[in-house]
Amino acid sequence: MLTAPPEGTRIRSVPAHPKHRTVVLATRDLFFRSKLGAIVRAAGAEVARDAVTCDLAVVELGGPGPADRIRELVARGIPVLAFGSHVKADELRAARELGAVAVPNSQVEERLRGMLD
């Protein structure tokens, strides 16, 4: 149960996450990359050409290398939104264990919008 703080206690608001300005989209599917790029631009951000200048990374799971990429980005303090097939729960779990927010393909657009708001 929540109670009021003692009188005289200063309450500080928790700052919202900083607005993401540049987003790298690491996906092999060009059509899907286009859809995600439109979401990024609609939020007033821009698509980065590489992960060096990004504030947020969207990484497709599957194929070679996503674990190394996620590990490197998280180590640099870059938030990572990973997405993959819902039937490959082990890949989604592994991405979460590496520090990414990991969602099935069907949820990546909604989650990206939320992260950009």
N, C-alpha and C. Protein backbone atom coordinates (compact mmCIF):
# COMPACT_ATOMS: atom_id res chain seq x y z
N MET A 1 0.82 -1.17 0.00
CA MET A 1 0.00 0.00 0.00
C MET A 1 0.87 1.24 0.00
N LEU A 2 0.57 2.19 -0.88
CA LEU A 2 1.31 3.43 -0.95
C LEU A 2 0.84 4.40 0.11
N THR A 3 1.80 5.09 0.73
CA THR A 3 1.45 6.10 1.71
C THR A 3 2.12 7.40 1.32
N ALA A 4 1.63 8.50 1.84
CA ALA A 4 2.21 9.80 1.55
C ALA A 4 3.58 9.89 2.22
N PRO A 5 4.52 10.60 1.60
CA PRO A 5 5.83 10.76 2.22
C PRO A 5 5.72 11.67 3.45
N PRO A 6 6.66 11.57 4.37
CA PRO A 6 6.64 12.44 5.54
C PRO A 6 6.66 13.91 5.13
N GLU A 7 6.05 14.75 5.94
CA GLU A 7 5.99 16.17 5.64
C GLU A 7 7.39 16.74 5.52
N GLY A 8 7.59 17.59 4.55
CA GLY A 8 8.89 18.21 4.32
C GLY A 8 9.78 17.42 3.39
N THR A 9 9.36 16.23 2.99
CA THR A 9 10.14 15.41 2.07
C THR A 9 10.00 15.98 0.68
N ARG A 10 11.12 16.17 0.02
CA ARG A 10 11.10 16.65 -1.36
C ARG A 10 10.88 15.47 -2.29
N ILE A 11 9.96 15.63 -3.19
CA ILE A 11 9.68 14.58 -4.16
C ILE A 11 10.22 15.04 -5.50
N ARG A 12 11.11 14.26 -6.05
CA ARG A 12 11.67 14.59 -7.36
C ARG A 12 11.02 13.71 -8.39
N SER A 13 10.72 14.31 -9.51
CA SER A 13 10.14 13.50 -10.58
C SER A 13 11.26 12.72 -11.25
N VAL A 14 10.90 11.57 -11.75
CA VAL A 14 11.85 10.74 -12.48
C VAL A 14 11.84 11.20 -13.93
N PRO A 15 12.98 11.58 -14.47
CA PRO A 15 12.98 12.08 -15.84
C PRO A 15 12.62 10.97 -16.82
N ALA A 16 11.92 11.34 -17.85
CA ALA A 16 11.60 10.38 -18.91
C ALA A 16 12.89 10.03 -19.64
N HIS A 17 12.87 8.90 -20.34
CA HIS A 17 14.07 8.55 -21.10
C HIS A 17 14.32 9.63 -22.15
N PRO A 18 15.59 9.90 -22.43
CA PRO A 18 15.87 10.94 -23.42
C PRO A 18 15.29 10.55 -24.76
N LYS A 19 14.86 11.54 -25.48
CA LYS A 19 14.26 11.27 -26.79
C LYS A 19 15.33 10.74 -27.73
N HIS A 20 14.99 9.67 -28.40
CA HIS A 20 15.92 9.08 -29.35
C HIS A 20 15.89 9.91 -30.63
N ARG A 21 17.03 10.33 -31.09
CA ARG A 21 17.13 11.17 -32.27
C ARG A 21 17.59 10.41 -33.51
N THR A 22 18.44 9.41 -33.31
CA THR A 22 18.93 8.62 -34.44
C THR A 22 18.77 7.14 -34.13
N VAL A 23 18.26 6.42 -35.09
CA VAL A 23 17.95 5.01 -34.90
C VAL A 23 18.59 4.21 -36.03
N VAL A 24 19.35 3.18 -35.68
CA VAL A 24 19.89 2.30 -36.69
C VAL A 24 18.95 1.10 -36.82
N LEU A 25 18.68 0.71 -38.05
CA LEU A 25 17.77 -0.41 -38.33
C LEU A 25 18.58 -1.56 -38.93
N ALA A 26 18.85 -2.57 -38.13
CA ALA A 26 19.63 -3.72 -38.57
C ALA A 26 18.68 -4.86 -38.91
N THR A 27 18.15 -4.81 -40.12
CA THR A 27 17.24 -5.86 -40.59
C THR A 27 17.56 -6.17 -42.05
N ARG A 28 17.41 -7.44 -42.39
CA ARG A 28 17.71 -7.88 -43.76
C ARG A 28 16.57 -7.61 -44.73
N ASP A 29 15.36 -7.54 -44.23
CA ASP A 29 14.18 -7.38 -45.07
C ASP A 29 14.00 -5.90 -45.43
N LEU A 30 14.23 -5.55 -46.68
CA LEU A 30 14.18 -4.15 -47.11
C LEU A 30 12.79 -3.55 -46.97
N PHE A 31 11.74 -4.34 -47.23
CA PHE A 31 10.38 -3.84 -47.09
C PHE A 31 10.10 -3.50 -45.62
N PHE A 32 10.49 -4.39 -44.73
CA PHE A 32 10.27 -4.17 -43.31
C PHE A 32 11.10 -3.00 -42.81
N ARG A 33 12.32 -2.88 -43.30
CA ARG A 33 13.18 -1.74 -42.92
C ARG A 33 12.51 -0.44 -43.33
N SER A 34 11.87 -0.44 -44.48
CA SER A 34 11.16 0.74 -44.96
C SER A 34 10.01 1.11 -44.02
N LYS A 35 9.25 0.10 -43.57
CA LYS A 35 8.15 0.35 -42.63
C LYS A 35 8.67 0.91 -41.32
N LEU A 36 9.74 0.34 -40.81
CA LEU A 36 10.31 0.82 -39.55
C LEU A 36 10.89 2.23 -39.72
N GLY A 37 11.51 2.48 -40.86
CA GLY A 37 12.04 3.81 -41.15
C GLY A 37 10.95 4.87 -41.16
N ALA A 38 9.79 4.52 -41.69
CA ALA A 38 8.66 5.46 -41.70
C ALA A 38 8.21 5.78 -40.28
N ILE A 39 8.24 4.80 -39.39
CA ILE A 39 7.88 5.02 -37.99
C ILE A 39 8.89 5.96 -37.33
N VAL A 40 10.15 5.73 -37.61
CA VAL A 40 11.22 6.56 -37.05
C VAL A 40 11.04 8.02 -37.50
N ARG A 41 10.85 8.22 -38.79
CA ARG A 41 10.71 9.59 -39.31
C ARG A 41 9.43 10.26 -38.81
N ALA A 42 8.35 9.50 -38.68
CA ALA A 42 7.09 10.06 -38.17
C ALA A 42 7.24 10.55 -36.73
N ALA A 43 8.18 9.96 -36.00
CA ALA A 43 8.42 10.37 -34.61
C ALA A 43 9.40 11.54 -34.52
N GLY A 44 9.86 12.03 -35.68
CA GLY A 44 10.78 13.15 -35.68
C GLY A 44 12.23 12.76 -35.51
N ALA A 45 12.53 11.49 -35.61
CA ALA A 45 13.91 11.01 -35.51
C ALA A 45 14.42 10.70 -36.91
N GLU A 46 15.67 10.32 -37.01
CA GLU A 46 16.20 9.96 -38.31
C GLU A 46 16.86 8.59 -38.26
N VAL A 47 16.91 7.95 -39.41
CA VAL A 47 17.54 6.65 -39.52
C VAL A 47 19.04 6.86 -39.70
N ALA A 48 19.82 6.25 -38.82
CA ALA A 48 21.28 6.35 -38.89
C ALA A 48 21.81 5.33 -39.88
N ARG A 49 22.92 5.67 -40.48
CA ARG A 49 23.54 4.75 -41.44
C ARG A 49 24.29 3.63 -40.75
N ASP A 50 24.79 3.90 -39.55
CA ASP A 50 25.51 2.85 -38.82
C ASP A 50 25.32 3.04 -37.32
N ALA A 51 25.74 2.07 -36.56
CA ALA A 51 25.52 2.06 -35.12
C ALA A 51 26.42 3.02 -34.36
N VAL A 52 27.40 3.61 -35.02
CA VAL A 52 28.32 4.51 -34.34
C VAL A 52 27.62 5.77 -33.86
N THR A 53 26.66 6.25 -34.62
CA THR A 53 26.00 7.52 -34.29
C THR A 53 24.58 7.37 -33.77
N CYS A 54 24.16 6.17 -33.42
CA CYS A 54 22.74 5.98 -33.06
C CYS A 54 22.48 6.18 -31.57
N ASP A 55 21.22 6.52 -31.27
CA ASP A 55 20.73 6.61 -29.90
C ASP A 55 19.89 5.39 -29.54
N LEU A 56 19.46 4.66 -30.56
CA LEU A 56 18.62 3.47 -30.39
C LEU A 56 18.92 2.54 -31.55
N ALA A 57 18.97 1.25 -31.27
CA ALA A 57 19.22 0.26 -32.32
C ALA A 57 18.06 -0.73 -32.37
N VAL A 58 17.62 -1.03 -33.58
CA VAL A 58 16.61 -2.05 -33.80
C VAL A 58 17.31 -3.19 -34.53
N VAL A 59 17.33 -4.36 -33.91
CA VAL A 59 18.13 -5.48 -34.42
C VAL A 59 17.23 -6.69 -34.66
N GLU A 60 17.30 -7.19 -35.89
CA GLU A 60 16.58 -8.42 -36.24
C GLU A 60 17.37 -9.62 -35.74
N LEU A 61 16.68 -10.53 -35.07
CA LEU A 61 17.32 -11.76 -34.60
C LEU A 61 17.33 -12.79 -35.72
N GLY A 62 18.09 -13.83 -35.54
CA GLY A 62 18.24 -14.85 -36.58
C GLY A 62 19.44 -14.50 -37.44
N GLY A 63 19.93 -15.45 -38.13
CA GLY A 63 21.11 -15.19 -38.95
C GLY A 63 22.34 -15.03 -38.09
N PRO A 64 23.47 -14.76 -38.72
CA PRO A 64 24.72 -14.65 -37.98
C PRO A 64 24.91 -13.26 -37.37
N GLY A 65 25.39 -13.23 -36.13
CA GLY A 65 25.85 -12.00 -35.52
C GLY A 65 24.97 -11.15 -34.65
N PRO A 66 23.66 -11.41 -34.48
CA PRO A 66 22.91 -10.45 -33.67
C PRO A 66 23.33 -10.42 -32.20
N ALA A 67 23.76 -11.54 -31.65
CA ALA A 67 24.16 -11.56 -30.24
C ALA A 67 25.37 -10.66 -30.02
N ASP A 68 26.36 -10.74 -30.90
CA ASP A 68 27.55 -9.89 -30.77
C ASP A 68 27.18 -8.42 -30.93
N ARG A 69 26.31 -8.13 -31.87
CA ARG A 69 25.89 -6.75 -32.10
C ARG A 69 25.15 -6.20 -30.87
N ILE A 70 24.22 -6.99 -30.32
CA ILE A 70 23.48 -6.56 -29.13
C ILE A 70 24.43 -6.34 -27.97
N ARG A 71 25.33 -7.27 -27.75
CA ARG A 71 26.30 -7.17 -26.65
C ARG A 71 27.12 -5.88 -26.77
N GLU A 72 27.58 -5.57 -27.95
CA GLU A 72 28.41 -4.38 -28.18
C GLU A 72 27.60 -3.10 -27.95
N LEU A 73 26.38 -3.06 -28.47
CA LEU A 73 25.54 -1.87 -28.32
C LEU A 73 25.17 -1.63 -26.86
N VAL A 74 24.77 -2.67 -26.17
CA VAL A 74 24.40 -2.55 -24.76
C VAL A 74 25.61 -2.09 -23.94
N ALA A 75 26.79 -2.61 -24.25
CA ALA A 75 28.00 -2.21 -23.54
C ALA A 75 28.28 -0.72 -23.73
N ARG A 76 27.89 -0.17 -24.86
CA ARG A 76 28.05 1.27 -25.13
C ARG A 76 26.92 2.11 -24.55
N GLY A 77 25.93 1.45 -23.94
CA GLY A 77 24.81 2.18 -23.36
C GLY A 77 23.71 2.52 -24.34
N ILE A 78 23.71 1.88 -25.50
CA ILE A 78 22.69 2.12 -26.53
C ILE A 78 21.51 1.18 -26.27
N PRO A 79 20.29 1.70 -26.12
CA PRO A 79 19.13 0.82 -25.99
C PRO A 79 18.93 0.01 -27.27
N VAL A 80 18.57 -1.25 -27.10
CA VAL A 80 18.38 -2.15 -28.25
C VAL A 80 16.97 -2.73 -28.21
N LEU A 81 16.29 -2.61 -29.34
CA LEU A 81 15.01 -3.28 -29.54
C LEU A 81 15.28 -4.42 -30.51
N ALA A 82 15.22 -5.65 -30.02
CA ALA A 82 15.46 -6.83 -30.85
C ALA A 82 14.12 -7.46 -31.19
N PHE A 83 14.02 -8.02 -32.38
CA PHE A 83 12.78 -8.67 -32.77
C PHE A 83 13.09 -9.92 -33.57
N GLY A 84 12.18 -10.88 -33.47
CA GLY A 84 12.36 -12.13 -34.18
C GLY A 84 11.09 -12.96 -34.15
N SER A 85 11.18 -14.12 -34.71
CA SER A 85 10.03 -15.02 -34.81
C SER A 85 9.54 -15.45 -33.43
N HIS A 86 8.24 -15.45 -33.26
CA HIS A 86 7.66 -15.87 -31.98
C HIS A 86 7.90 -17.35 -31.70
N VAL A 87 8.17 -18.14 -32.72
CA VAL A 87 8.42 -19.57 -32.50
C VAL A 87 9.86 -19.84 -32.07
N LYS A 88 10.69 -18.82 -32.11
CA LYS A 88 12.08 -18.97 -31.67
C LYS A 88 12.26 -18.24 -30.34
N ALA A 89 11.53 -18.73 -29.35
CA ALA A 89 11.54 -18.11 -28.02
C ALA A 89 12.95 -18.08 -27.42
N ASP A 90 13.79 -19.04 -27.76
CA ASP A 90 15.16 -19.07 -27.24
C ASP A 90 15.96 -17.87 -27.72
N GLU A 91 15.76 -17.43 -28.97
CA GLU A 91 16.46 -16.25 -29.48
C GLU A 91 15.98 -14.99 -28.77
N LEU A 92 14.67 -14.89 -28.57
CA LEU A 92 14.12 -13.73 -27.87
C LEU A 92 14.64 -13.67 -26.43
N ARG A 93 14.65 -14.82 -25.77
CA ARG A 93 15.15 -14.90 -24.39
C ARG A 93 16.63 -14.53 -24.32
N ALA A 94 17.42 -15.04 -25.24
CA ALA A 94 18.85 -14.74 -25.25
C ALA A 94 19.09 -13.25 -25.45
N ALA A 95 18.31 -12.61 -26.31
CA ALA A 95 18.45 -11.18 -26.53
C ALA A 95 18.13 -10.40 -25.25
N ARG A 96 17.10 -10.82 -24.53
CA ARG A 96 16.74 -10.18 -23.26
C ARG A 96 17.86 -10.34 -22.25
N GLU A 97 18.45 -11.53 -22.21
CA GLU A 97 19.54 -11.78 -21.27
C GLU A 97 20.76 -10.92 -21.58
N LEU A 98 20.91 -10.52 -22.83
CA LEU A 98 22.02 -9.64 -23.23
C LEU A 98 21.71 -8.17 -22.97
N GLY A 99 20.47 -7.87 -22.56
CA GLY A 99 20.11 -6.50 -22.22
C GLY A 99 19.19 -5.79 -23.19
N ALA A 100 18.73 -6.49 -24.21
CA ALA A 100 17.82 -5.88 -25.19
C ALA A 100 16.37 -6.02 -24.75
N VAL A 101 15.54 -5.14 -25.26
CA VAL A 101 14.10 -5.35 -25.21
C VAL A 101 13.82 -6.23 -26.41
N ALA A 102 13.27 -7.41 -26.21
CA ALA A 102 13.07 -8.36 -27.31
C ALA A 102 11.60 -8.70 -27.45
N VAL A 103 11.09 -8.54 -28.66
CA VAL A 103 9.67 -8.79 -28.94
C VAL A 103 9.53 -9.62 -30.21
N PRO A 104 8.39 -10.30 -30.34
CA PRO A 104 8.14 -11.00 -31.60
C PRO A 104 7.90 -9.99 -32.73
N ASN A 105 8.07 -10.46 -33.95
CA ASN A 105 7.90 -9.60 -35.12
C ASN A 105 6.59 -8.81 -35.09
N SER A 106 5.53 -9.45 -34.62
CA SER A 106 4.21 -8.82 -34.63
C SER A 106 4.12 -7.61 -33.70
N GLN A 107 5.07 -7.44 -32.79
CA GLN A 107 5.01 -6.35 -31.82
C GLN A 107 6.07 -5.27 -32.02
N VAL A 108 6.96 -5.46 -32.97
CA VAL A 108 8.10 -4.53 -33.08
C VAL A 108 7.66 -3.12 -33.48
N GLU A 109 6.70 -2.98 -34.36
CA GLU A 109 6.28 -1.65 -34.78
C GLU A 109 5.69 -0.87 -33.60
N GLU A 110 4.81 -1.50 -32.84
CA GLU A 110 4.18 -0.86 -31.69
C GLU A 110 5.22 -0.50 -30.64
N ARG A 111 6.13 -1.42 -30.35
CA ARG A 111 7.16 -1.16 -29.34
C ARG A 111 8.10 -0.04 -29.79
N LEU A 112 8.44 0.00 -31.08
CA LEU A 112 9.29 1.07 -31.58
C LEU A 112 8.60 2.42 -31.43
N ARG A 113 7.33 2.48 -31.78
CA ARG A 113 6.59 3.74 -31.59
C ARG A 113 6.64 4.18 -30.12
N GLY A 114 6.44 3.23 -29.22
CA GLY A 114 6.49 3.55 -27.79
C GLY A 114 7.85 4.04 -27.34
N MET A 115 8.89 3.47 -27.87
CA MET A 115 10.24 3.89 -27.49
C MET A 115 10.60 5.25 -28.06
N LEU A 116 9.95 5.65 -29.13
CA LEU A 116 10.24 6.93 -29.77
C LEU A 116 9.36 8.06 -29.23
N ASP A 117 8.30 7.73 -28.53
CA ASP A 117 7.42 8.77 -27.97
C ASP A 117 8.07 9.48 -26.81
